[in-house]
Amino acid sequence: MSGIEFEYYLKEFFQKRDYMVELTALSGDQGVDLILIKHNRRIAVQVKRYSQDSKLGNKAIQEVYTGMPYYDCTEAYVITTTEFTNQAVTLASKVGVKLIGRNKLQLLVSTGEIRELDLHL
């Protein structure tokens, strides 16, 4: 599955859970791939499909955090097929970006239950 296919997969996943989902432009997206809308909440989401051999660093967190106000969102998430570096986890915690790495993503997809992960999506 390519990165774009992964974005579309997540779009459909959240739509089936009653989210309105907007896809941003493929380029110049300001670090936001999806916007999830439900109950007057706008959530900026950066989607990264990486091999499980590598870890995702700070850049994705920085991008979605700065893209969040551009799209009038009040929350930000990074969803990836891998895990995060320790530095990325620390940065995300300090700026309030929620992280969904490989293990949480597998649980999310297998159960289909967002609340089980305590993600508050």
N, C-alpha and C. Protein backbone atom coordinates (compact mmCIF):
# COMPACT_ATOMS: atom_id res chain seq x y z
N MET A 1 0.85 -1.17 0.00
CA MET A 1 0.00 0.00 0.00
C MET A 1 0.90 1.24 0.00
N SER A 2 0.63 2.15 -0.89
CA SER A 2 1.42 3.38 -0.98
C SER A 2 0.96 4.36 0.11
N GLY A 3 1.70 5.45 0.25
CA GLY A 3 1.32 6.48 1.21
C GLY A 3 -0.04 7.08 0.90
N ILE A 4 -0.32 7.31 -0.38
CA ILE A 4 -1.62 7.88 -0.79
C ILE A 4 -2.74 6.87 -0.52
N GLU A 5 -2.49 5.61 -0.81
CA GLU A 5 -3.49 4.57 -0.53
C GLU A 5 -3.78 4.48 0.97
N PHE A 6 -2.73 4.66 1.77
CA PHE A 6 -2.90 4.64 3.22
C PHE A 6 -3.78 5.81 3.68
N GLU A 7 -3.58 6.98 3.09
CA GLU A 7 -4.43 8.14 3.40
C GLU A 7 -5.89 7.83 3.08
N TYR A 8 -6.14 7.26 1.91
CA TYR A 8 -7.51 6.92 1.51
C TYR A 8 -8.10 5.83 2.40
N TYR A 9 -7.27 4.89 2.80
CA TYR A 9 -7.73 3.84 3.71
C TYR A 9 -8.21 4.46 5.03
N LEU A 10 -7.40 5.37 5.59
CA LEU A 10 -7.78 6.02 6.84
C LEU A 10 -9.00 6.92 6.65
N LYS A 11 -9.09 7.55 5.51
CA LYS A 11 -10.28 8.37 5.21
C LYS A 11 -11.53 7.53 5.32
N GLU A 12 -11.54 6.39 4.66
CA GLU A 12 -12.70 5.49 4.70
C GLU A 12 -12.94 4.94 6.10
N PHE A 13 -11.86 4.61 6.80
CA PHE A 13 -11.97 4.09 8.16
C PHE A 13 -12.72 5.07 9.05
N PHE A 14 -12.33 6.34 9.01
CA PHE A 14 -12.97 7.34 9.87
C PHE A 14 -14.37 7.71 9.38
N GLN A 15 -14.58 7.68 8.08
CA GLN A 15 -15.93 7.96 7.57
C GLN A 15 -16.92 6.90 8.05
N LYS A 16 -16.48 5.66 8.13
CA LYS A 16 -17.35 4.59 8.62
C LYS A 16 -17.67 4.76 10.11
N ARG A 17 -16.94 5.61 10.77
CA ARG A 17 -17.18 5.90 12.19
C ARG A 17 -17.78 7.29 12.37
N ASP A 18 -18.47 7.73 11.33
CA ASP A 18 -19.26 8.96 11.34
C ASP A 18 -18.45 10.25 11.42
N TYR A 19 -17.22 10.23 10.98
CA TYR A 19 -16.46 11.45 10.86
C TYR A 19 -16.64 12.00 9.45
N MET A 20 -16.73 13.31 9.34
CA MET A 20 -16.59 13.93 8.03
C MET A 20 -15.08 14.07 7.83
N VAL A 21 -14.59 13.67 6.67
CA VAL A 21 -13.16 13.67 6.45
C VAL A 21 -12.85 14.48 5.20
N GLU A 22 -11.93 15.42 5.33
CA GLU A 22 -11.44 16.19 4.20
C GLU A 22 -10.01 15.76 3.91
N LEU A 23 -9.72 15.51 2.64
CA LEU A 23 -8.34 15.28 2.21
C LEU A 23 -7.76 16.61 1.78
N THR A 24 -6.54 16.89 2.16
CA THR A 24 -5.89 18.11 1.71
C THR A 24 -5.18 17.84 0.39
N ALA A 25 -4.62 18.86 -0.20
CA ALA A 25 -3.90 18.71 -1.47
C ALA A 25 -2.71 17.77 -1.28
N LEU A 26 -2.34 17.10 -2.36
CA LEU A 26 -1.21 16.16 -2.28
C LEU A 26 0.11 16.89 -2.06
N SER A 27 0.22 18.11 -2.55
CA SER A 27 1.43 18.89 -2.28
C SER A 27 1.00 20.24 -1.72
N GLY A 28 1.86 20.83 -0.94
CA GLY A 28 1.54 22.10 -0.31
C GLY A 28 0.46 21.98 0.74
N ASP A 29 0.41 20.83 1.41
CA ASP A 29 -0.68 20.57 2.37
C ASP A 29 -0.40 21.13 3.76
N GLN A 30 0.72 21.82 3.93
CA GLN A 30 1.08 22.42 5.22
C GLN A 30 1.24 21.38 6.33
N GLY A 31 1.56 20.15 5.96
CA GLY A 31 1.80 19.11 6.96
C GLY A 31 0.56 18.40 7.46
N VAL A 32 -0.58 18.64 6.80
CA VAL A 32 -1.83 18.01 7.20
C VAL A 32 -2.37 17.23 6.00
N ASP A 33 -2.64 15.94 6.19
CA ASP A 33 -3.15 15.10 5.12
C ASP A 33 -4.66 14.94 5.18
N LEU A 34 -5.19 14.81 6.40
CA LEU A 34 -6.62 14.63 6.61
C LEU A 34 -7.11 15.63 7.65
N ILE A 35 -8.35 16.03 7.51
CA ILE A 35 -9.01 16.80 8.56
C ILE A 35 -10.24 16.01 8.96
N LEU A 36 -10.30 15.63 10.24
CA LEU A 36 -11.43 14.88 10.78
C LEU A 36 -12.36 15.86 11.48
N ILE A 37 -13.65 15.76 11.17
CA ILE A 37 -14.63 16.68 11.74
C ILE A 37 -15.77 15.88 12.35
N LYS A 38 -16.04 16.15 13.63
CA LYS A 38 -17.15 15.50 14.31
C LYS A 38 -17.43 16.26 15.61
N HIS A 39 -18.69 16.48 15.89
CA HIS A 39 -19.10 17.17 17.12
C HIS A 39 -18.36 18.49 17.30
N ASN A 40 -18.29 19.29 16.25
CA ASN A 40 -17.64 20.61 16.28
C ASN A 40 -16.15 20.54 16.58
N ARG A 41 -15.54 19.40 16.38
CA ARG A 41 -14.09 19.25 16.55
C ARG A 41 -13.46 19.14 15.17
N ARG A 42 -12.35 19.82 14.99
CA ARG A 42 -11.57 19.74 13.75
C ARG A 42 -10.18 19.25 14.13
N ILE A 43 -9.83 18.08 13.60
CA ILE A 43 -8.57 17.43 13.96
C ILE A 43 -7.68 17.33 12.73
N ALA A 44 -6.50 17.92 12.82
CA ALA A 44 -5.51 17.83 11.74
C ALA A 44 -4.75 16.52 11.91
N VAL A 45 -4.60 15.77 10.81
CA VAL A 45 -3.92 14.48 10.87
C VAL A 45 -2.82 14.43 9.82
N GLN A 46 -1.63 14.11 10.26
CA GLN A 46 -0.50 13.82 9.38
C GLN A 46 -0.40 12.31 9.29
N VAL A 47 -0.35 11.77 8.08
CA VAL A 47 -0.31 10.32 7.86
C VAL A 47 1.05 9.97 7.26
N LYS A 48 1.71 9.00 7.87
CA LYS A 48 3.02 8.57 7.37
C LYS A 48 3.06 7.05 7.27
N ARG A 49 3.28 6.56 6.06
CA ARG A 49 3.46 5.12 5.86
C ARG A 49 4.94 4.85 5.69
N TYR A 50 5.54 4.24 6.70
CA TYR A 50 6.97 3.93 6.70
C TYR A 50 7.14 2.43 6.91
N SER A 51 8.33 1.94 6.58
CA SER A 51 8.62 0.54 6.88
C SER A 51 8.79 0.41 8.39
N GLN A 52 8.52 -0.76 8.91
CA GLN A 52 8.59 -0.94 10.35
C GLN A 52 10.02 -0.95 10.86
N ASP A 53 11.00 -0.91 9.95
CA ASP A 53 12.40 -0.89 10.36
C ASP A 53 12.85 0.49 10.83
N SER A 54 12.14 1.53 10.41
CA SER A 54 12.55 2.88 10.76
C SER A 54 11.57 3.48 11.77
N LYS A 55 12.00 4.53 12.43
CA LYS A 55 11.14 5.22 13.39
C LYS A 55 10.91 6.64 12.88
N LEU A 56 9.75 7.15 13.20
CA LEU A 56 9.36 8.49 12.76
C LEU A 56 9.89 9.52 13.75
N GLY A 57 10.51 10.56 13.22
CA GLY A 57 11.12 11.59 14.06
C GLY A 57 10.25 12.82 14.23
N ASN A 58 10.90 13.90 14.63
CA ASN A 58 10.21 15.15 14.97
C ASN A 58 9.50 15.83 13.82
N LYS A 59 9.97 15.67 12.61
CA LYS A 59 9.46 16.46 11.48
C LYS A 59 7.94 16.36 11.32
N ALA A 60 7.39 15.16 11.41
CA ALA A 60 5.94 15.00 11.23
C ALA A 60 5.16 15.72 12.33
N ILE A 61 5.69 15.71 13.54
CA ILE A 61 5.03 16.39 14.65
C ILE A 61 5.09 17.90 14.42
N GLN A 62 6.25 18.41 14.02
CA GLN A 62 6.40 19.83 13.74
C GLN A 62 5.47 20.28 12.62
N GLU A 63 5.36 19.47 11.58
CA GLU A 63 4.53 19.84 10.43
C GLU A 63 3.05 19.89 10.79
N VAL A 64 2.53 18.86 11.45
CA VAL A 64 1.09 18.85 11.77
C VAL A 64 0.77 19.92 12.81
N TYR A 65 1.71 20.19 13.71
CA TYR A 65 1.49 21.22 14.72
C TYR A 65 1.37 22.60 14.08
N THR A 66 2.21 22.88 13.11
CA THR A 66 2.13 24.19 12.45
C THR A 66 1.00 24.23 11.42
N GLY A 67 0.61 23.08 10.87
CA GLY A 67 -0.50 23.04 9.92
C GLY A 67 -1.86 23.12 10.59
N MET A 68 -1.92 22.78 11.87
CA MET A 68 -3.17 22.76 12.61
C MET A 68 -3.90 24.11 12.55
N PRO A 69 -3.29 25.24 12.86
CA PRO A 69 -4.03 26.51 12.78
C PRO A 69 -4.33 26.93 11.34
N TYR A 70 -3.50 26.51 10.40
CA TYR A 70 -3.73 26.84 8.99
C TYR A 70 -5.10 26.33 8.53
N TYR A 71 -5.49 25.15 9.02
CA TYR A 71 -6.77 24.54 8.66
C TYR A 71 -7.85 24.75 9.74
N ASP A 72 -7.61 25.69 10.64
CA ASP A 72 -8.57 26.01 11.71
C ASP A 72 -8.91 24.79 12.56
N CYS A 73 -7.91 23.98 12.85
CA CYS A 73 -8.08 22.81 13.71
C CYS A 73 -7.60 23.15 15.12
N THR A 74 -8.13 22.43 16.09
CA THR A 74 -7.73 22.65 17.47
C THR A 74 -7.00 21.45 18.06
N GLU A 75 -6.92 20.38 17.28
CA GLU A 75 -6.21 19.17 17.72
C GLU A 75 -5.38 18.65 16.57
N ALA A 76 -4.35 17.89 16.90
CA ALA A 76 -3.49 17.31 15.87
C ALA A 76 -3.06 15.90 16.25
N TYR A 77 -3.01 15.03 15.25
CA TYR A 77 -2.58 13.64 15.41
C TYR A 77 -1.58 13.30 14.31
N VAL A 78 -0.67 12.40 14.61
CA VAL A 78 0.18 11.78 13.61
C VAL A 78 -0.13 10.28 13.66
N ILE A 79 -0.48 9.72 12.52
CA ILE A 79 -0.77 8.28 12.42
C ILE A 79 0.27 7.68 11.48
N THR A 80 0.94 6.63 11.95
CA THR A 80 1.99 6.01 11.15
C THR A 80 1.98 4.50 11.27
N THR A 81 2.59 3.86 10.29
CA THR A 81 2.71 2.41 10.27
C THR A 81 3.96 1.93 10.99
N THR A 82 4.71 2.84 11.56
CA THR A 82 5.90 2.48 12.32
C THR A 82 5.75 3.02 13.73
N GLU A 83 6.81 3.17 14.46
CA GLU A 83 6.77 3.78 15.79
C GLU A 83 7.53 5.10 15.76
N PHE A 84 7.63 5.76 16.88
CA PHE A 84 8.23 7.09 16.97
C PHE A 84 9.54 7.06 17.74
N THR A 85 10.43 7.97 17.40
CA THR A 85 11.65 8.12 18.18
C THR A 85 11.29 8.69 19.55
N ASN A 86 12.18 8.52 20.50
CA ASN A 86 11.95 9.08 21.84
C ASN A 86 11.82 10.60 21.78
N GLN A 87 12.63 11.23 20.92
CA GLN A 87 12.56 12.68 20.79
C GLN A 87 11.20 13.12 20.25
N ALA A 88 10.66 12.36 19.30
CA ALA A 88 9.34 12.69 18.74
C ALA A 88 8.26 12.55 19.80
N VAL A 89 8.34 11.52 20.61
CA VAL A 89 7.36 11.31 21.68
C VAL A 89 7.43 12.47 22.68
N THR A 90 8.62 12.89 23.03
CA THR A 90 8.79 14.01 23.95
C THR A 90 8.23 15.30 23.37
N LEU A 91 8.57 15.59 22.12
CA LEU A 91 8.07 16.80 21.47
C LEU A 91 6.55 16.79 21.39
N ALA A 92 5.99 15.68 20.95
CA ALA A 92 4.53 15.58 20.82
C ALA A 92 3.85 15.81 22.16
N SER A 93 4.41 15.27 23.21
CA SER A 93 3.85 15.45 24.54
C SER A 93 3.87 16.93 24.96
N LYS A 94 4.95 17.61 24.63
CA LYS A 94 5.09 19.01 25.03
C LYS A 94 4.17 19.94 24.24
N VAL A 95 3.90 19.63 22.96
CA VAL A 95 3.07 20.52 22.14
C VAL A 95 1.63 20.03 22.00
N GLY A 96 1.33 18.86 22.55
CA GLY A 96 -0.04 18.38 22.56
C GLY A 96 -0.49 17.65 21.30
N VAL A 97 0.45 17.13 20.53
CA VAL A 97 0.11 16.33 19.36
C VAL A 97 -0.03 14.88 19.81
N LYS A 98 -1.13 14.23 19.43
CA LYS A 98 -1.37 12.84 19.79
C LYS A 98 -0.71 11.93 18.76
N LEU A 99 -0.16 10.83 19.22
CA LEU A 99 0.56 9.90 18.35
C LEU A 99 -0.14 8.55 18.28
N ILE A 100 -0.28 8.05 17.07
CA ILE A 100 -0.81 6.70 16.85
C ILE A 100 0.24 5.96 16.02
N GLY A 101 1.02 5.15 16.70
CA GLY A 101 2.05 4.37 16.04
C GLY A 101 1.54 3.00 15.64
N ARG A 102 2.43 2.18 15.17
CA ARG A 102 2.09 0.86 14.62
C ARG A 102 1.21 0.03 15.56
N ASN A 103 1.61 -0.10 16.81
CA ASN A 103 0.87 -0.95 17.74
C ASN A 103 -0.55 -0.43 17.98
N LYS A 104 -0.69 0.87 18.22
CA LYS A 104 -2.01 1.45 18.42
C LYS A 104 -2.83 1.37 17.14
N LEU A 105 -2.19 1.56 16.01
CA LEU A 105 -2.88 1.49 14.73
C LEU A 105 -3.42 0.08 14.49
N GLN A 106 -2.62 -0.94 14.78
CA GLN A 106 -3.08 -2.32 14.61
C GLN A 106 -4.28 -2.60 15.51
N LEU A 107 -4.25 -2.10 16.73
CA LEU A 107 -5.37 -2.28 17.64
C LEU A 107 -6.60 -1.54 17.13
N LEU A 108 -6.40 -0.34 16.67
CA LEU A 108 -7.48 0.47 16.13
C LEU A 108 -8.16 -0.23 14.96
N VAL A 109 -7.37 -0.75 14.03
CA VAL A 109 -7.91 -1.41 12.84
C VAL A 109 -8.56 -2.74 13.21
N SER A 110 -7.93 -3.51 14.09
CA SER A 110 -8.48 -4.83 14.40
C SER A 110 -9.78 -4.76 15.21
N THR A 111 -9.88 -3.79 16.10
CA THR A 111 -11.10 -3.68 16.90
C THR A 111 -12.12 -2.75 16.26
N GLY A 112 -11.62 -1.76 15.51
CA GLY A 112 -12.51 -0.77 14.93
C GLY A 112 -13.05 0.21 15.95
N GLU A 113 -12.63 0.05 17.19
CA GLU A 113 -13.13 0.88 18.28
C GLU A 113 -12.13 1.96 18.63
N ILE A 114 -12.47 3.17 18.35
CA ILE A 114 -11.60 4.29 18.65
C ILE A 114 -11.48 4.50 20.15
N ARG A 115 -12.57 4.37 20.88
CA ARG A 115 -12.56 4.63 22.31
C ARG A 115 -11.67 3.65 23.07
N GLU A 116 -11.51 2.44 22.58
CA GLU A 116 -10.69 1.46 23.27
C GLU A 116 -9.23 1.93 23.40
N LEU A 117 -8.81 2.77 22.52
CA LEU A 117 -7.44 3.27 22.56
C LEU A 117 -7.31 4.53 23.40
N ASP A 118 -8.42 5.02 23.92
CA ASP A 118 -8.43 6.26 24.69
C ASP A 118 -7.80 7.39 23.88
N LEU A 119 -8.17 7.46 22.59
CA LEU A 119 -7.62 8.49 21.73
C LEU A 119 -8.45 9.75 21.73
N HIS A 120 -9.65 9.66 22.22
CA HIS A 120 -10.55 10.82 22.28
C HIS A 120 -10.81 11.40 20.90
N LEU A 121 -10.79 10.56 19.89
CA LEU A 121 -11.07 11.04 18.53
C LEU A 121 -12.54 11.23 18.33
